[in-house]
Amino acid sequence: MTEGNFVDYVKMHVTSGKGGQGSTHLHREKYLAKGGPDGGDGGRGGHVILRGNSNLWTLIHLKFKRHIRAGHGGNGSSGRSTGADGEDMYVEVPLGTVVRDTETNEVLFEITKDGEEKIVAQGGKGGRGNWHFKSSTNQTPRYAQPGIPMEQKDITLELKLLADVGLVGFPNAGKSTLLSVITSAKPKIADYEFTTLKPNLGIVKHRDFQSFIMADIPGIIEGAAEGKGLGYYFLRHIERNSILLFLIPADAPDIKKQYDILLDELRRYNPEMLDKDRFIAISKSDMLDDELQAELKVELDNNLPIPYVFISSVAQQGLMELKDLLWQALNN
C-alpha cells in the first residue's frame, strides 16, 4: 500500500430513510358501499449500517463519499397492505474503525470483527394505517399516522490499525528500513526526519510458514502526547498492538533515556499502553565493532528493564533472533 492510499480519518453526513405514511383508505367493492377502514401501515425507513470487512485496510474508499443516504419507506395502501421498507445502506469499513459523533466527539461504537454490523442512523418507523383506529364509536376513521422522520447525523470514522507488533521510535530511527527488510512492504525511506507521514503495515514471514503483522507509524518526538510533531495524530494506531517494539539506534547518546522518553509519551497519551509486552531493538548495530557492542551490552544489562536485541536492517544482522523473540511473545 502506497503512502498516498492510506486514509485513516474520514468525516461524513449520514441520513436514514423516513418511515412511510399510513393509509386512510376505506374498503370499497361492488355491492359493498361501506366496507370500513382497511388502510395499511407505512414501511420502515432504511437504516445506515456500518459493517466490518477484514479485506479492507484503509478508509480510502470513503474519502470522497461525504453523504450517505438510505431509502425511504413506502406508504401503506388498501387491503391492509404494508408499504415497502426503505433500502438499507451498508458502509463497509476496515476492522479497528472507531465511530464518533462529530459534534460531541462521543465514541458511538467500534467495529473489530469481520461481518459485524452496527446501525449508525436508525430508519424511521412506518405510520399505522387507519384500520388500527377503528372502534365501536368510530367505525370509519379517516386519519392515519405519518411515518417517523429520518435521522441525520455527522460522524467521524477513525481507523486504529490492528497489528500484532507496533514499532515505536524517534524519527529516523530505522523503523521503515526494518519494515522493508523483514516484510514485503515498501515504505518511503530517506535520510531525514519524518520521512514516514502515514502508517505502514507489513506481514512478517516466520519459520514454518507462520506470519504476523507489523505496523510502522511516524516517529514520536518529546511532547507528542500534547500534539507536538505528528505523534498525537498517529499514536492511536499502536493502541491495538499486542507488542510494542521500541527501535533505538546504536549511535543514540543515551539509549536508556530515549526509551524512558518514548515510554513516558505513551503513558501520557494512554496509561493502558504500559500493560503491553515491550521489547527493544538496538538498530544500526553494524556501526559497532565487537568490543563496543560488548561494552554497550554490559551497560544495557544494568539499565534496561526489558529484553533487547542488537539488529542491523542493512547488514541483515539479528533479524531472525528478533523475529523469534516476537513470535514467542505473541504465542505466550
C-alpha atoms as a PDB file:
ATOM      1  CA  MET A   1       0.000   0.000   0.000  1.00  0.00           C
ATOM      2  CA  THR A   2       1.469   3.346  -1.000  1.00  0.00           C
ATOM      3  CA  GLU A   3       1.558   6.219   1.456  1.00  0.00           C
ATOM      4  CA  GLY A   4      -0.993   8.270  -0.505  1.00  0.00           C
ATOM      5  CA  ASN A   5      -3.521   5.452  -0.433  1.00  0.00           C
ATOM      6  CA  PHE A   6      -3.603   5.212   3.344  1.00  0.00           C
ATOM      7  CA  VAL A   7      -6.615   7.115   4.681  1.00  0.00           C
ATOM      8  CA  ASP A   8      -7.400   6.689   8.371  1.00  0.00           C
ATOM      9  CA  TYR A   9      -9.694   9.661   9.079  1.00  0.00           C
ATOM     10  CA  VAL A  10     -12.987  10.432   7.332  1.00  0.00           C
ATOM     11  CA  LYS A  11     -15.933  12.706   8.145  1.00  0.00           C
ATOM     12  CA  MET A  12     -19.353  12.104   6.619  1.00  0.00           C
ATOM     13  CA  HIS A  13     -23.026  13.015   6.927  1.00  0.00           C
ATOM     14  CA  VAL A  14     -25.414  10.047   7.185  1.00  0.00           C
ATOM     15  CA  THR A  15     -29.174  10.183   6.658  1.00  0.00           C
ATOM     16  CA  SER A  16     -31.555   7.299   7.291  1.00  0.00           C
ATOM     17  CA  GLY A  17     -34.849   6.845   5.460  1.00  0.00           C
ATOM     18  CA  LYS A  18     -38.118   8.272   6.792  1.00  0.00           C
ATOM     19  CA  GLY A  19     -40.994   5.964   7.630  1.00  0.00           C
ATOM     20  CA  GLY A  20     -43.859   5.606   5.162  1.00  0.00           C
ATOM     21  CA  GLN A  21     -47.255   7.236   5.687  1.00  0.00           C
ATOM     22  CA  GLY A  22     -50.084   5.066   6.956  1.00  0.00           C
ATOM     23  CA  SER A  23     -53.046   4.766   4.569  1.00  0.00           C
ATOM     24  CA  THR A  24     -56.546   6.221   5.221  1.00  0.00           C
ATOM     25  CA  HIS A  25     -58.209   4.010   2.639  1.00  0.00           C
ATOM     26  CA  LEU A  26     -61.820   2.834   3.148  1.00  0.00           C
ATOM     27  CA  HIS A  27     -62.753  -0.530   1.698  1.00  0.00           C
ATOM     28  CA  ARG A  28     -64.961  -0.324  -1.392  1.00  0.00           C
ATOM     29  CA  GLU A  29     -66.162  -3.030  -3.798  1.00  0.00           C
ATOM     30  CA  LYS A  30     -69.265  -3.942  -5.778  1.00  0.00           C
ATOM     31  CA  TYR A  31     -72.332  -4.398  -3.571  1.00  0.00           C
ATOM     32  CA  LEU A  32     -70.338  -3.191  -0.547  1.00  0.00           C
ATOM     33  CA  ALA A  33     -70.678   0.558  -0.266  1.00  0.00           C
ATOM     34  CA  LYS A  34     -69.213   0.951   3.202  1.00  0.00           C
ATOM     35  CA  GLY A  35     -66.703  -1.780   3.970  1.00  0.00           C
ATOM     36  CA  GLY A  36     -64.859   0.047   6.707  1.00  0.00           C
ATOM     37  CA  PRO A  37     -61.215   1.130   7.044  1.00  0.00           C
ATOM     38  CA  ASP A  38     -58.512  -1.073   5.502  1.00  0.00           C
ATOM     39  CA  GLY A  39     -55.574   1.307   5.175  1.00  0.00           C
ATOM     40  CA  GLY A  40     -52.219  -0.436   5.604  1.00  0.00           C
ATOM     41  CA  ASP A  41     -49.164   0.640   7.583  1.00  0.00           C
ATOM     42  CA  GLY A  42     -46.255   2.556   6.134  1.00  0.00           C
ATOM     43  CA  GLY A  43     -42.948   0.779   5.559  1.00  0.00           C
ATOM     44  CA  ARG A  44     -39.868   1.263   7.717  1.00  0.00           C
ATOM     45  CA  GLY A  45     -37.245   3.719   6.540  1.00  0.00           C
ATOM     46  CA  GLY A  46     -33.839   2.320   5.610  1.00  0.00           C
ATOM     47  CA  HIS A  47     -31.007   2.182   8.151  1.00  0.00           C
ATOM     48  CA  VAL A  48     -27.441   3.328   7.574  1.00  0.00           C
ATOM     49  CA  ILE A  49     -25.351   0.371   8.722  1.00  0.00           C
ATOM     50  CA  LEU A  50     -21.577   0.080   9.169  1.00  0.00           C
ATOM     51  CA  ARG A  51     -20.194  -3.394   8.519  1.00  0.00           C
ATOM     52  CA  GLY A  52     -16.715  -4.720   9.278  1.00  0.00           C
ATOM     53  CA  ASN A  53     -14.723  -6.096   6.348  1.00  0.00           C
ATOM     54  CA  SER A  54     -11.442  -7.898   7.034  1.00  0.00           C
ATOM     55  CA  ASN A  55     -10.336  -7.368   3.417  1.00  0.00           C
ATOM     56  CA  LEU A  56     -10.101  -3.600   3.884  1.00  0.00           C
ATOM     57  CA  TRP A  57      -7.047  -1.928   5.417  1.00  0.00           C
ATOM     58  CA  THR A  58      -7.873   1.741   4.888  1.00  0.00           C
ATOM     59  CA  LEU A  59     -10.788   4.183   4.582  1.00  0.00           C
ATOM     60  CA  ILE A  60      -9.738   5.407   1.138  1.00  0.00           C
ATOM     61  CA  HIS A  61     -12.929   4.078  -0.491  1.00  0.00           C
ATOM     62  CA  LEU A  62     -14.898   6.537   1.685  1.00  0.00           C
ATOM     63  CA  LYS A  63     -12.612   9.524   1.152  1.00  0.00           C
ATOM     64  CA  PHE A  64     -14.976  11.253  -1.294  1.00  0.00           C
ATOM     65  CA  LYS A  65     -18.282   9.850  -0.029  1.00  0.00           C
ATOM     66  CA  ARG A  66     -19.372  12.719   2.172  1.00  0.00           C
ATOM     67  CA  HIS A  67     -23.105  11.920   2.170  1.00  0.00           C
ATOM     68  CA  ILE A  68     -24.691   8.505   2.762  1.00  0.00           C
ATOM     69  CA  ARG A  69     -28.478   8.230   2.353  1.00  0.00           C
ATOM     70  CA  ALA A  70     -30.766   5.265   2.934  1.00  0.00           C
ATOM     71  CA  GLY A  71     -34.097   4.730   1.155  1.00  0.00           C
ATOM     72  CA  HIS A  72     -37.455   5.998   2.403  1.00  0.00           C
ATOM     73  CA  GLY A  73     -40.233   3.629   3.465  1.00  0.00           C
ATOM     74  CA  GLY A  74     -43.205   3.199   1.132  1.00  0.00           C
ATOM     75  CA  ASN A  75     -46.692   4.413   2.037  1.00  0.00           C
ATOM     76  CA  GLY A  76     -49.371   1.952   3.125  1.00  0.00           C
ATOM     77  CA  SER A  77     -52.165   1.061   0.723  1.00  0.00           C
ATOM     78  CA  SER A  78     -55.591  -0.576   0.599  1.00  0.00           C
ATOM     79  CA  GLY A  79     -56.326  -4.081   1.800  1.00  0.00           C
ATOM     80  CA  ARG A  80     -54.159  -3.506   4.866  1.00  0.00           C
ATOM     81  CA  SER A  81     -51.091  -3.696   2.626  1.00  0.00           C
ATOM     82  CA  THR A  82     -47.912  -2.530   4.327  1.00  0.00           C
ATOM     83  CA  GLY A  83     -45.624  -0.253   2.371  1.00  0.00           C
ATOM     84  CA  ALA A  84     -42.224  -1.478   1.273  1.00  0.00           C
ATOM     85  CA  ASP A  85     -39.310  -0.992   3.670  1.00  0.00           C
ATOM     86  CA  GLY A  86     -36.705   1.526   2.601  1.00  0.00           C
ATOM     87  CA  GLU A  87     -33.406   0.179   1.281  1.00  0.00           C
ATOM     88  CA  ASP A  88     -30.735  -0.127   3.966  1.00  0.00           C
ATOM     89  CA  MET A  89     -27.407   1.472   3.111  1.00  0.00           C
ATOM     90  CA  TYR A  90     -24.350  -0.589   4.094  1.00  0.00           C
ATOM     91  CA  VAL A  91     -20.970   1.070   4.532  1.00  0.00           C
ATOM     92  CA  GLU A  92     -18.014  -1.347   4.565  1.00  0.00           C
ATOM     93  CA  VAL A  93     -15.216  -0.348   6.944  1.00  0.00           C
ATOM     94  CA  PRO A  94     -11.902  -1.986   7.949  1.00  0.00           C
ATOM     95  CA  LEU A  95     -11.574  -3.697  11.292  1.00  0.00           C
ATOM     96  CA  GLY A  96     -10.411  -1.317  14.006  1.00  0.00           C
ATOM     97  CA  THR A  97     -12.680   1.549  12.919  1.00  0.00           C
ATOM     98  CA  VAL A  98     -13.880   3.852  15.703  1.00  0.00           C
ATOM     99  CA  VAL A  99     -17.077   5.822  15.035  1.00  0.00           C
ATOM    100  CA  ARG A 100     -17.575   9.173  16.757  1.00  0.00           C
ATOM    101  CA  ASP A 101     -20.336  11.758  16.813  1.00  0.00           C
ATOM    102  CA  THR A 102     -18.647  14.732  15.151  1.00  0.00           C
ATOM    103  CA  GLU A 103     -20.497  17.352  17.196  1.00  0.00           C
ATOM    104  CA  THR A 104     -19.947  15.850  20.662  1.00  0.00           C
ATOM    105  CA  ASN A 105     -16.815  13.771  19.914  1.00  0.00           C
ATOM    106  CA  GLU A 106     -18.525  10.901  21.759  1.00  0.00           C
ATOM    107  CA  VAL A 107     -17.472   7.394  20.741  1.00  0.00           C
ATOM    108  CA  LEU A 108     -20.597   5.667  19.413  1.00  0.00           C
ATOM    109  CA  PHE A 109     -19.089   2.226  18.824  1.00  0.00           C
ATOM    110  CA  GLU A 110     -16.127   0.338  17.358  1.00  0.00           C
ATOM    111  CA  ILE A 111     -16.001  -2.266  14.602  1.00  0.00           C
ATOM    112  CA  THR A 112     -13.498  -5.022  15.434  1.00  0.00           C
ATOM    113  CA  LYS A 113     -14.926  -8.222  13.860  1.00  0.00           C
ATOM    114  CA  ASP A 114     -15.414  -9.320  10.280  1.00  0.00           C
ATOM    115  CA  GLY A 115     -19.106  -9.089   9.337  1.00  0.00           C
ATOM    116  CA  GLU A 116     -20.007  -7.125  12.499  1.00  0.00           C
ATOM    117  CA  GLU A 117     -22.876  -4.725  11.777  1.00  0.00           C
ATOM    118  CA  LYS A 118     -23.817  -1.564  13.708  1.00  0.00           C
ATOM    119  CA  ILE A 119     -26.668   0.828  12.892  1.00  0.00           C
ATOM    120  CA  VAL A 120     -25.367   4.399  12.895  1.00  0.00           C
ATOM    121  CA  ALA A 121     -28.609   6.063  11.712  1.00  0.00           C
ATOM    122  CA  GLN A 122     -31.933   4.397  12.522  1.00  0.00           C
ATOM    123  CA  GLY A 123     -34.619   4.340   9.851  1.00  0.00           C
ATOM    124  CA  GLY A 124     -37.942   5.923  10.777  1.00  0.00           C
ATOM    125  CA  LYS A 125     -40.770   3.611  11.762  1.00  0.00           C
ATOM    126  CA  GLY A 126     -43.741   3.476   9.386  1.00  0.00           C
ATOM    127  CA  GLY A 127     -47.021   5.106  10.427  1.00  0.00           C
ATOM    128  CA  ARG A 128     -50.025   2.945  11.275  1.00  0.00           C
ATOM    129  CA  GLY A 129     -52.944   2.763   8.871  1.00  0.00           C
ATOM    130  CA  ASN A 130     -56.483   3.807   9.755  1.00  0.00           C
ATOM    131  CA  TRP A 131     -57.709   0.253  10.406  1.00  0.00           C
ATOM    132  CA  HIS A 132     -55.771   0.343  13.698  1.00  0.00           C
ATOM    133  CA  PHE A 133     -58.003   3.174  14.950  1.00  0.00           C
ATOM    134  CA  LYS A 134     -61.472   1.777  14.303  1.00  0.00           C
ATOM    135  CA  SER A 135     -63.683   1.259  17.326  1.00  0.00           C
ATOM    136  CA  SER A 136     -67.321   0.835  18.209  1.00  0.00           C
ATOM    137  CA  THR A 137     -67.718   4.596  18.429  1.00  0.00           C
ATOM    138  CA  ASN A 138     -65.510   5.454  15.440  1.00  0.00           C
ATOM    139  CA  GLN A 139     -66.136   2.867  12.751  1.00  0.00           C
ATOM    140  CA  THR A 140     -64.727   4.848   9.823  1.00  0.00           C
ATOM    141  CA  PRO A 141     -61.591   6.711  10.993  1.00  0.00           C
ATOM    142  CA  ARG A 142     -60.315   8.909   8.212  1.00  0.00           C
ATOM    143  CA  TYR A 143     -56.877   9.533   9.642  1.00  0.00           C
ATOM    144  CA  ALA A 144     -53.632   7.570   9.914  1.00  0.00           C
ATOM    145  CA  GLN A 145     -50.208   8.098  11.400  1.00  0.00           C
ATOM    146  CA  PRO A 146     -47.417   9.770   9.452  1.00  0.00           C
ATOM    147  CA  GLY A 147     -44.107   7.964   9.359  1.00  0.00           C
ATOM    148  CA  ILE A 148     -41.357   8.830  11.858  1.00  0.00           C
ATOM    149  CA  PRO A 149     -38.909  11.314  10.294  1.00  0.00           C
ATOM    150  CA  MET A 150     -35.452  10.347   9.088  1.00  0.00           C
ATOM    151  CA  GLU A 151     -32.387  10.626  11.341  1.00  0.00           C
ATOM    152  CA  GLN A 152     -29.437  12.766  10.297  1.00  0.00           C
ATOM    153  CA  LYS A 153     -26.025  12.676  11.903  1.00  0.00           C
ATOM    154  CA  ASP A 154     -22.467  13.866  11.300  1.00  0.00           C
ATOM    155  CA  ILE A 155     -19.991  11.127  12.116  1.00  0.00           C
ATOM    156  CA  THR A 156     -16.221  10.758  12.097  1.00  0.00           C
ATOM    157  CA  LEU A 157     -14.523   7.469  11.249  1.00  0.00           C
ATOM    158  CA  GLU A 158     -11.081   6.879  12.764  1.00  0.00           C
ATOM    159  CA  LEU A 159      -9.033   3.814  11.948  1.00  0.00           C
ATOM    160  CA  LYS A 160      -6.857   2.190  14.596  1.00  0.00           C
ATOM    161  CA  LEU A 161      -4.595  -0.347  12.972  1.00  0.00           C
ATOM    162  CA  LEU A 162      -4.986  -3.960  14.057  1.00  0.00           C
ATOM    163  CA  ALA A 163      -1.428  -5.268  14.104  1.00  0.00           C
ATOM    164  CA  ASP A 164       0.477  -7.757  16.254  1.00  0.00           C
ATOM    165  CA  VAL A 165       3.620  -5.635  16.656  1.00  0.00           C
ATOM    166  CA  GLY A 166       3.840  -1.839  16.663  1.00  0.00           C
ATOM    167  CA  LEU A 167       7.141  -0.062  16.003  1.00  0.00           C
ATOM    168  CA  VAL A 168       7.860   2.845  18.355  1.00  0.00           C
ATOM    169  CA  GLY A 169      10.785   5.193  17.983  1.00  0.00           C
ATOM    170  CA  PHE A 170      12.080   8.668  17.302  1.00  0.00           C
ATOM    171  CA  PRO A 171      12.173   9.997  13.729  1.00  0.00           C
ATOM    172  CA  ASN A 172      14.903   8.438  11.581  1.00  0.00           C
ATOM    173  CA  ALA A 173      15.455   5.527  13.978  1.00  0.00           C
ATOM    174  CA  GLY A 174      15.245   2.965  11.161  1.00  0.00           C
ATOM    175  CA  LYS A 175      11.650   1.777  11.589  1.00  0.00           C
ATOM    176  CA  SER A 176      10.755   1.959   7.895  1.00  0.00           C
ATOM    177  CA  THR A 177      14.020   0.280   6.906  1.00  0.00           C
ATOM    178  CA  LEU A 178      13.329  -2.600   9.292  1.00  0.00           C
ATOM    179  CA  LEU A 179       9.779  -2.989   7.940  1.00  0.00           C
ATOM    180  CA  SER A 180      11.026  -3.020   4.351  1.00  0.00           C
ATOM    181  CA  VAL A 181      13.621  -5.720   5.127  1.00  0.00           C
ATOM    182  CA  ILE A 182      11.538  -8.221   7.112  1.00  0.00           C
ATOM    183  CA  THR A 183       8.257  -7.722   5.212  1.00  0.00           C
ATOM    184  CA  SER A 184       7.186  -7.069   1.621  1.00  0.00           C
ATOM    185  CA  ALA A 185       6.068  -3.532   2.471  1.00  0.00           C
ATOM    186  CA  LYS A 186       7.692  -0.689   0.527  1.00  0.00           C
ATOM    187  CA  PRO A 187       7.611   2.345   2.835  1.00  0.00           C
ATOM    188  CA  LYS A 188       9.335   5.566   1.844  1.00  0.00           C
ATOM    189  CA  ILE A 189      12.917   5.607   3.170  1.00  0.00           C
ATOM    190  CA  ALA A 190      15.239   8.616   3.278  1.00  0.00           C
ATOM    191  CA  ASP A 191      17.930  10.110   5.480  1.00  0.00           C
ATOM    192  CA  TYR A 192      15.807  12.825   7.103  1.00  0.00           C
ATOM    193  CA  GLU A 193      13.292  13.034   9.914  1.00  0.00           C
ATOM    194  CA  PHE A 194       9.572  12.397   9.369  1.00  0.00           C
ATOM    195  CA  THR A 195      10.121  10.528   6.118  1.00  0.00           C
ATOM    196  CA  THR A 196       7.133   8.443   7.191  1.00  0.00           C
ATOM    197  CA  LEU A 197       3.984  10.556   7.235  1.00  0.00           C
ATOM    198  CA  LYS A 198       1.447   7.726   7.112  1.00  0.00           C
ATOM    199  CA  PRO A 199       1.389   4.381   8.962  1.00  0.00           C
ATOM    200  CA  ASN A 200       2.613   1.329   7.076  1.00  0.00           C
ATOM    201  CA  LEU A 201       1.655  -2.311   7.546  1.00  0.00           C
ATOM    202  CA  GLY A 202       3.666  -5.382   6.646  1.00  0.00           C
ATOM    203  CA  ILE A 203       3.360  -9.146   7.076  1.00  0.00           C
ATOM    204  CA  VAL A 204       6.426 -10.727   8.669  1.00  0.00           C
ATOM    205  CA  LYS A 205       7.053 -14.266   7.436  1.00  0.00           C
ATOM    206  CA  HIS A 206       8.488 -16.556  10.083  1.00  0.00           C
ATOM    207  CA  ARG A 207       9.577 -20.182  10.306  1.00  0.00           C
ATOM    208  CA  ASP A 208       7.308 -22.996   9.081  1.00  0.00           C
ATOM    209  CA  PHE A 209       5.042 -20.695   7.031  1.00  0.00           C
ATOM    210  CA  GLN A 210       3.965 -18.695  10.080  1.00  0.00           C
ATOM    211  CA  SER A 211       3.440 -14.945   9.990  1.00  0.00           C
ATOM    212  CA  PHE A 212       2.437 -11.897  11.996  1.00  0.00           C
ATOM    213  CA  ILE A 213       1.615  -8.258  11.198  1.00  0.00           C
ATOM    214  CA  MET A 214       3.905  -5.343  11.990  1.00  0.00           C
ATOM    215  CA  ALA A 215       2.923  -1.655  11.912  1.00  0.00           C
ATOM    216  CA  ASP A 216       5.279   1.279  11.415  1.00  0.00           C
ATOM    217  CA  ILE A 217       3.949   4.687  12.488  1.00  0.00           C
ATOM    218  CA  PRO A 218       5.520   8.147  12.068  1.00  0.00           C
ATOM    219  CA  GLY A 219       8.240   8.936  14.578  1.00  0.00           C
ATOM    220  CA  ILE A 220       7.405  10.173  18.060  1.00  0.00           C
ATOM    221  CA  ILE A 221       9.093  13.245  19.498  1.00  0.00           C
ATOM    222  CA  GLU A 222       9.150  14.522  23.069  1.00  0.00           C
ATOM    223  CA  GLY A 223       5.819  16.238  23.705  1.00  0.00           C
ATOM    224  CA  ALA A 224       3.903  14.110  21.209  1.00  0.00           C
ATOM    225  CA  ALA A 225       1.156  13.423  23.763  1.00  0.00           C
ATOM    226  CA  GLU A 226       0.444  17.189  23.773  1.00  0.00           C
ATOM    227  CA  GLY A 227       0.227  17.263  19.998  1.00  0.00           C
ATOM    228  CA  LYS A 228       3.811  18.148  19.044  1.00  0.00           C
ATOM    229  CA  GLY A 229       5.151  16.724  15.813  1.00  0.00           C
ATOM    230  CA  LEU A 230       2.998  14.003  14.250  1.00  0.00           C
ATOM    231  CA  GLY A 231       2.807  11.696  17.252  1.00  0.00           C
ATOM    232  CA  TYR A 232      -0.533  12.712  18.727  1.00  0.00           C
ATOM    233  CA  TYR A 233      -2.353  12.082  15.457  1.00  0.00           C
ATOM    234  CA  PHE A 234      -0.898   8.612  14.949  1.00  0.00           C
ATOM    235  CA  LEU A 235      -0.405   7.312  18.496  1.00  0.00           C
ATOM    236  CA  ARG A 236      -3.860   5.716  18.314  1.00  0.00           C
ATOM    237  CA  HIS A 237      -2.507   3.245  15.767  1.00  0.00           C
ATOM    238  CA  ILE A 238      -0.462   1.418  18.388  1.00  0.00           C
ATOM    239  CA  GLU A 239      -3.287   1.200  20.926  1.00  0.00           C
ATOM    240  CA  ARG A 240      -4.420  -2.141  19.466  1.00  0.00           C
ATOM    241  CA  ASN A 241      -0.987  -3.731  19.009  1.00  0.00           C
ATOM    242  CA  SER A 242      -0.218  -6.744  21.174  1.00  0.00           C
ATOM    243  CA  ILE A 243       3.514  -5.961  21.405  1.00  0.00           C
ATOM    244  CA  LEU A 244       5.426  -2.686  21.324  1.00  0.00           C
ATOM    245  CA  LEU A 245       8.883  -2.848  19.765  1.00  0.00           C
ATOM    246  CA  PHE A 246      10.988   0.189  20.653  1.00  0.00           C
ATOM    247  CA  LEU A 247      13.575   0.937  17.974  1.00  0.00           C
ATOM    248  CA  ILE A 248      16.577   2.936  19.215  1.00  0.00           C
ATOM    249  CA  PRO A 249      19.699   3.459  17.095  1.00  0.00           C
ATOM    250  CA  ALA A 250      23.041   2.241  18.428  1.00  0.00           C
ATOM    251  CA  ASP A 251      24.565   5.716  17.994  1.00  0.00           C
ATOM    252  CA  ALA A 252      21.987   7.354  20.308  1.00  0.00           C
ATOM    253  CA  PRO A 253      23.639   9.472  23.042  1.00  0.00           C
ATOM    254  CA  ASP A 254      21.710   7.673  25.806  1.00  0.00           C
ATOM    255  CA  ILE A 255      19.660   4.580  24.881  1.00  0.00           C
ATOM    256  CA  LYS A 256      18.013   4.293  28.312  1.00  0.00           C
ATOM    257  CA  LYS A 257      16.992   7.970  28.262  1.00  0.00           C
ATOM    258  CA  GLN A 258      15.459   7.650  24.794  1.00  0.00           C
ATOM    259  CA  TYR A 259      13.492   4.612  25.911  1.00  0.00           C
ATOM    260  CA  ASP A 260      12.234   6.473  29.001  1.00  0.00           C
ATOM    261  CA  ILE A 261      11.094   9.454  26.885  1.00  0.00           C
ATOM    262  CA  LEU A 262       9.210   7.211  24.457  1.00  0.00           C
ATOM    263  CA  LEU A 263       7.617   5.252  27.274  1.00  0.00           C
ATOM    264  CA  ASP A 264       6.561   8.455  29.042  1.00  0.00           C
ATOM    265  CA  GLU A 265       4.880   9.779  25.881  1.00  0.00           C
ATOM    266  CA  LEU A 266       2.865   6.556  25.601  1.00  0.00           C
ATOM    267  CA  ARG A 267       1.936   6.740  29.282  1.00  0.00           C
ATOM    268  CA  ARG A 268       0.714  10.327  28.971  1.00  0.00           C
ATOM    269  CA  TYR A 269      -1.314   9.504  25.893  1.00  0.00           C
ATOM    270  CA  ASN A 270      -2.886   6.317  27.297  1.00  0.00           C
ATOM    271  CA  PRO A 271      -1.596   4.632  30.504  1.00  0.00           C
ATOM    272  CA  GLU A 272      -3.063   1.291  29.371  1.00  0.00           C
ATOM    273  CA  MET A 273      -0.319   1.064  26.740  1.00  0.00           C
ATOM    274  CA  LEU A 274       2.157   0.244  29.504  1.00  0.00           C
ATOM    275  CA  ASP A 275       0.339  -3.063  30.066  1.00  0.00           C
ATOM    276  CA  LYS A 276       1.537  -4.367  26.701  1.00  0.00           C
ATOM    277  CA  ASP A 277       4.618  -6.555  26.200  1.00  0.00           C
ATOM    278  CA  ARG A 278       7.620  -4.388  25.333  1.00  0.00           C
ATOM    279  CA  PHE A 279      10.964  -5.129  23.669  1.00  0.00           C
ATOM    280  CA  ILE A 280      13.849  -3.004  22.471  1.00  0.00           C
ATOM    281  CA  ALA A 281      15.717  -3.400  19.199  1.00  0.00           C
ATOM    282  CA  ILE A 282      19.068  -1.587  19.031  1.00  0.00           C
ATOM    283  CA  SER A 283      19.152  -0.657  15.344  1.00  0.00           C
ATOM    284  CA  LYS A 284      22.127   0.274  13.153  1.00  0.00           C
ATOM    285  CA  SER A 285      24.328  -2.007  15.277  1.00  0.00           C
ATOM    286  CA  ASP A 286      26.548  -2.753  12.257  1.00  0.00           C
ATOM    287  CA  MET A 287      28.309   0.506  13.212  1.00  0.00           C
ATOM    288  CA  LEU A 288      29.586  -1.200  16.395  1.00  0.00           C
ATOM    289  CA  ASP A 289      32.628  -3.450  16.438  1.00  0.00           C
ATOM    290  CA  ASP A 290      32.686  -6.442  18.795  1.00  0.00           C
ATOM    291  CA  GLU A 291      34.414  -4.529  21.574  1.00  0.00           C
ATOM    292  CA  LEU A 292      31.978  -1.584  21.526  1.00  0.00           C
ATOM    293  CA  GLN A 293      28.998  -3.919  21.379  1.00  0.00           C
ATOM    294  CA  ALA A 294      30.294  -5.887  24.378  1.00  0.00           C
ATOM    295  CA  GLU A 295      30.738  -2.675  26.395  1.00  0.00           C
ATOM    296  CA  LEU A 296      27.279  -1.449  25.417  1.00  0.00           C
ATOM    297  CA  LYS A 297      25.766  -4.817  26.316  1.00  0.00           C
ATOM    298  CA  VAL A 298      27.159  -4.616  29.864  1.00  0.00           C
ATOM    299  CA  GLU A 299      25.716  -1.117  30.239  1.00  0.00           C
ATOM    300  CA  LEU A 300      22.295  -2.119  28.888  1.00  0.00           C
ATOM    301  CA  ASP A 301      22.098  -5.241  31.070  1.00  0.00           C
ATOM    302  CA  ASN A 302      22.381  -2.983  34.112  1.00  0.00           C
ATOM    303  CA  ASN A 303      19.991  -0.238  32.922  1.00  0.00           C
ATOM    304  CA  LEU A 304      17.286  -1.625  30.619  1.00  0.00           C
ATOM    305  CA  PRO A 305      14.308  -3.234  32.390  1.00  0.00           C
ATOM    306  CA  ILE A 306      13.072  -5.195  29.344  1.00  0.00           C
ATOM    307  CA  PRO A 307      14.602  -7.643  26.817  1.00  0.00           C
ATOM    308  CA  TYR A 308      16.604  -6.173  23.951  1.00  0.00           C
ATOM    309  CA  VAL A 309      18.359  -7.399  20.815  1.00  0.00           C
ATOM    310  CA  PHE A 310      21.022  -5.878  18.540  1.00  0.00           C
ATOM    311  CA  ILE A 311      19.937  -5.675  14.888  1.00  0.00           C
ATOM    312  CA  SER A 312      21.029  -4.156  11.619  1.00  0.00           C
ATOM    313  CA  SER A 313      18.481  -3.972   8.840  1.00  0.00           C
ATOM    314  CA  VAL A 314      21.069  -3.046   6.218  1.00  0.00           C
ATOM    315  CA  ALA A 315      23.571  -5.766   7.203  1.00  0.00           C
ATOM    316  CA  GLN A 316      20.788  -8.301   7.930  1.00  0.00           C
ATOM    317  CA  GLN A 317      22.104  -8.919  11.446  1.00  0.00           C
ATOM    318  CA  GLY A 318      19.992 -10.151  14.357  1.00  0.00           C
ATOM    319  CA  LEU A 319      16.754 -10.181  12.368  1.00  0.00           C
ATOM    320  CA  MET A 320      15.967 -13.873  12.873  1.00  0.00           C
ATOM    321  CA  GLU A 321      16.664 -13.524  16.588  1.00  0.00           C
ATOM    322  CA  LEU A 322      14.266 -10.559  16.676  1.00  0.00           C
ATOM    323  CA  LYS A 323      11.535 -12.479  14.844  1.00  0.00           C
ATOM    324  CA  ASP A 324      11.952 -15.467  17.161  1.00  0.00           C
ATOM    325  CA  LEU A 325      11.634 -13.172  20.186  1.00  0.00           C
ATOM    326  CA  LEU A 326       8.471 -11.522  18.857  1.00  0.00           C
ATOM    327  CA  TRP A 327       6.877 -14.786  17.733  1.00  0.00           C
ATOM    328  CA  GLN A 328       7.479 -16.416  21.113  1.00  0.00           C
ATOM    329  CA  ALA A 329       5.945 -13.425  22.910  1.00  0.00           C
ATOM    330  CA  LEU A 330       2.901 -13.413  20.613  1.00  0.00           C
ATOM    331  CA  ASN A 331       2.244 -17.085  21.260  1.00  0.00           C
ATOM    332  CA  ASN A 332       2.675 -16.787  25.007  1.00  0.00           C
END
